[in-house]
Amino acid sequence: MIDLILFAKLSFTFLVKKVKSQFKPNTIILMRKLKLLTVALIVAFNQSFAQELVRYQTPAKELLDLLDAPVTPSFSISPSKQVYLLAYLMDMPDLSELAQPELKVAGLRINPNNFGNSNPRSYSKFEFVDLKTKKITPLTGIPENAVVTAYRWAPD
């Protein structure tokens, strides 16, 4: 592109010098015509190398299946070493969560409504698994709209 512009400038100056030496009275009119012609040629040359319009393309089914696969749960073993906890992260946050206001303070993004992290990853489901029997017991009693961002075992 730079080479094209440089070539156009050099050819324009060469043509202007040639025109000035041959036609003294009409030099200004011819110079304007030459400038217009040079600009038109540059635009036409650039349009010939313009990128083709690319439409949105859907990825292959295998890639979509990989992206939509469930998230691997977090694993935490109890202090008594008898059960472990599987904590499942939410797949995708809601748009309403992403649209919440945020303050940017010292590299942190803070939600001014609750003074917490503005975009926390939250857990949607918890399951206890007995190490000996492999029995899975889901954790119940969590409110429907609760946002659980952390958990830990009770000391007893």
Protein backbone atom coordinates (compact mmCIF):
# COMPACT_ATOMS: atom_id res chain seq x y z
CA MET A 1 0.00 0.00 0.00
CA ILE A 2 2.82 2.40 0.91
CA ASP A 3 4.64 1.47 -2.30
CA LEU A 4 1.50 2.29 -4.29
CA ILE A 5 1.15 5.71 -2.65
CA LEU A 6 4.85 6.45 -3.17
CA PHE A 7 4.58 5.40 -6.83
CA ALA A 8 1.49 7.61 -7.29
CA LYS A 9 3.26 10.63 -5.75
CA LEU A 10 6.37 10.17 -7.87
CA SER A 11 4.38 9.72 -11.07
CA PHE A 12 2.22 12.74 -10.19
CA THR A 13 5.24 15.00 -9.63
CA PHE A 14 6.79 13.78 -12.88
CA LEU A 15 3.59 14.49 -14.82
CA VAL A 16 3.18 17.93 -13.21
CA LYS A 17 6.73 18.93 -14.15
CA LYS A 18 6.17 17.74 -17.70
CA VAL A 19 2.84 19.57 -17.98
CA LYS A 20 4.26 22.78 -16.52
CA SER A 21 7.04 22.85 -19.07
CA GLN A 22 4.69 22.34 -22.04
CA PHE A 23 1.55 24.33 -21.13
CA LYS A 24 2.17 27.43 -19.09
CA PRO A 25 -1.28 29.17 -19.17
CA ASN A 26 -3.46 26.14 -18.40
CA THR A 27 -1.17 24.63 -15.79
CA ILE A 28 -3.51 25.12 -12.84
CA ILE A 29 -6.47 23.46 -14.58
CA LEU A 30 -4.34 20.55 -15.77
CA MET A 31 -2.80 20.11 -12.32
CA ARG A 32 -6.28 19.83 -10.79
CA LYS A 33 -7.27 17.27 -13.42
CA LEU A 34 -4.09 15.28 -12.77
CA LYS A 35 -4.70 15.32 -9.01
CA LEU A 36 -8.25 14.10 -9.51
CA LEU A 37 -7.08 11.39 -11.92
CA THR A 38 -4.39 10.23 -9.48
CA VAL A 39 -6.85 10.01 -6.59
CA ALA A 40 -9.35 8.13 -8.77
CA LEU A 41 -6.67 5.62 -9.82
CA ILE A 42 -5.57 5.04 -6.22
CA VAL A 43 -9.16 4.45 -5.09
CA ALA A 44 -9.86 2.12 -8.01
CA PHE A 45 -6.65 0.17 -7.35
CA ASN A 46 -7.46 -0.19 -3.63
CA GLN A 47 -11.00 -1.38 -4.40
CA SER A 48 -9.65 -4.16 -6.60
CA PHE A 49 -7.80 -5.61 -3.58
CA ALA A 50 -10.70 -5.21 -1.13
CA GLN A 51 -11.57 -8.21 0.99
CA GLU A 52 -14.63 -10.20 0.06
CA LEU A 53 -17.62 -10.07 2.39
CA VAL A 54 -17.47 -13.03 4.78
CA ARG A 55 -20.74 -14.12 6.37
CA TYR A 56 -21.06 -15.71 9.81
CA GLN A 57 -20.18 -19.37 9.63
CA THR A 58 -21.34 -21.93 12.13
CA PRO A 59 -18.61 -24.17 13.54
CA ALA A 60 -18.59 -27.93 13.12
CA LYS A 61 -20.91 -30.02 15.33
CA GLU A 62 -17.92 -31.58 17.15
CA LEU A 63 -16.67 -28.14 18.17
CA LEU A 64 -20.13 -27.06 19.32
CA ASP A 65 -20.45 -30.23 21.41
CA LEU A 66 -17.07 -29.50 22.99
CA LEU A 67 -18.07 -25.93 23.86
CA ASP A 68 -21.45 -27.00 25.24
CA ALA A 69 -20.02 -29.84 27.36
CA PRO A 70 -20.73 -29.58 31.10
CA VAL A 71 -18.05 -28.06 33.30
CA THR A 72 -15.97 -30.46 35.38
CA PRO A 73 -17.06 -30.18 39.03
CA SER A 74 -14.78 -29.05 41.83
CA PHE A 75 -13.73 -31.76 44.28
CA SER A 76 -13.33 -31.34 48.04
CA ILE A 77 -12.84 -34.15 50.54
CA SER A 78 -14.26 -33.81 54.07
CA PRO A 79 -11.96 -33.46 57.11
CA SER A 80 -13.18 -36.88 58.33
CA LYS A 81 -12.24 -38.42 54.96
CA GLN A 82 -15.60 -40.23 54.74
CA VAL A 83 -17.35 -38.16 52.04
CA TYR A 84 -16.38 -35.76 49.34
CA LEU A 85 -18.20 -32.85 47.76
CA LEU A 86 -18.73 -32.24 44.06
CA ALA A 87 -19.50 -28.57 43.35
CA TYR A 88 -20.76 -27.76 39.85
CA LEU A 89 -20.09 -24.30 38.39
CA MET A 90 -22.79 -22.51 36.41
CA ASP A 91 -22.24 -23.02 32.70
CA MET A 92 -22.86 -19.50 31.45
CA PRO A 93 -23.79 -16.41 33.46
CA ASP A 94 -27.06 -14.67 32.64
CA LEU A 95 -26.95 -11.47 30.61
CA SER A 96 -28.53 -9.66 33.56
CA GLU A 97 -25.49 -10.63 35.66
CA LEU A 98 -23.06 -9.46 32.99
CA ALA A 99 -24.94 -6.16 32.63
CA GLN A 100 -24.58 -5.23 36.32
CA PRO A 101 -22.71 -1.96 36.98
CA GLU A 102 -19.11 -2.23 38.07
CA LEU A 103 -16.49 0.00 39.61
CA LYS A 104 -12.86 -0.37 38.60
CA VAL A 105 -10.65 0.29 41.61
CA ALA A 106 -6.94 -0.60 41.73
CA GLY A 107 -7.28 -3.35 39.15
CA LEU A 108 -10.35 -4.89 40.80
CA ARG A 109 -13.85 -4.91 39.36
CA ILE A 110 -16.37 -4.34 42.13
CA ASN A 111 -20.16 -4.53 42.01
CA PRO A 112 -21.37 -1.36 43.81
CA ASN A 113 -24.65 -3.08 44.82
CA ASN A 114 -22.99 -5.68 47.06
CA PHE A 115 -19.32 -4.55 47.14
CA GLY A 116 -18.24 -7.97 45.89
CA ASN A 117 -16.58 -9.22 42.74
CA SER A 118 -18.47 -7.86 39.74
CA ASN A 119 -18.42 -11.11 37.78
CA PRO A 120 -18.02 -14.02 40.21
CA ARG A 121 -18.20 -17.63 39.12
CA SER A 122 -21.00 -19.22 41.11
CA TYR A 123 -21.92 -22.80 41.89
CA SER A 124 -25.28 -24.15 40.83
CA LYS A 125 -25.34 -27.66 42.33
CA PHE A 126 -23.65 -29.57 45.16
CA GLU A 127 -23.49 -33.32 45.67
CA PHE A 128 -22.03 -35.36 48.54
CA VAL A 129 -20.53 -38.74 47.63
CA ASP A 130 -19.80 -41.40 50.26
CA LEU A 131 -16.30 -42.80 49.72
CA LYS A 132 -17.21 -46.35 50.78
CA THR A 133 -20.65 -46.85 49.20
CA LYS A 134 -20.34 -44.30 46.33
CA LYS A 135 -23.87 -43.12 47.20
CA ILE A 136 -24.60 -39.64 45.82
CA THR A 137 -26.65 -37.29 48.02
CA PRO A 138 -27.61 -33.91 46.54
CA LEU A 139 -27.38 -30.88 48.83
CA THR A 140 -30.86 -29.40 49.31
CA GLY A 141 -32.21 -26.31 51.02
CA ILE A 142 -30.29 -23.75 48.99
CA PRO A 143 -32.63 -20.96 47.81
CA GLU A 144 -33.45 -20.92 44.09
CA ASN A 145 -31.84 -17.51 43.39
CA ALA A 146 -28.84 -17.92 45.72
CA VAL A 147 -25.42 -17.02 44.38
CA VAL A 148 -22.86 -19.36 45.98
CA THR A 149 -19.33 -18.26 45.14
CA ALA A 150 -17.36 -20.12 47.84
CA TYR A 151 -17.74 -23.05 50.22
CA ARG A 152 -15.75 -24.81 52.93
CA TRP A 153 -16.18 -27.61 55.41
CA ALA A 154 -17.36 -26.94 58.96
CA PRO A 155 -14.70 -27.73 61.58
CA ASP A 156 -16.83 -30.36 63.37
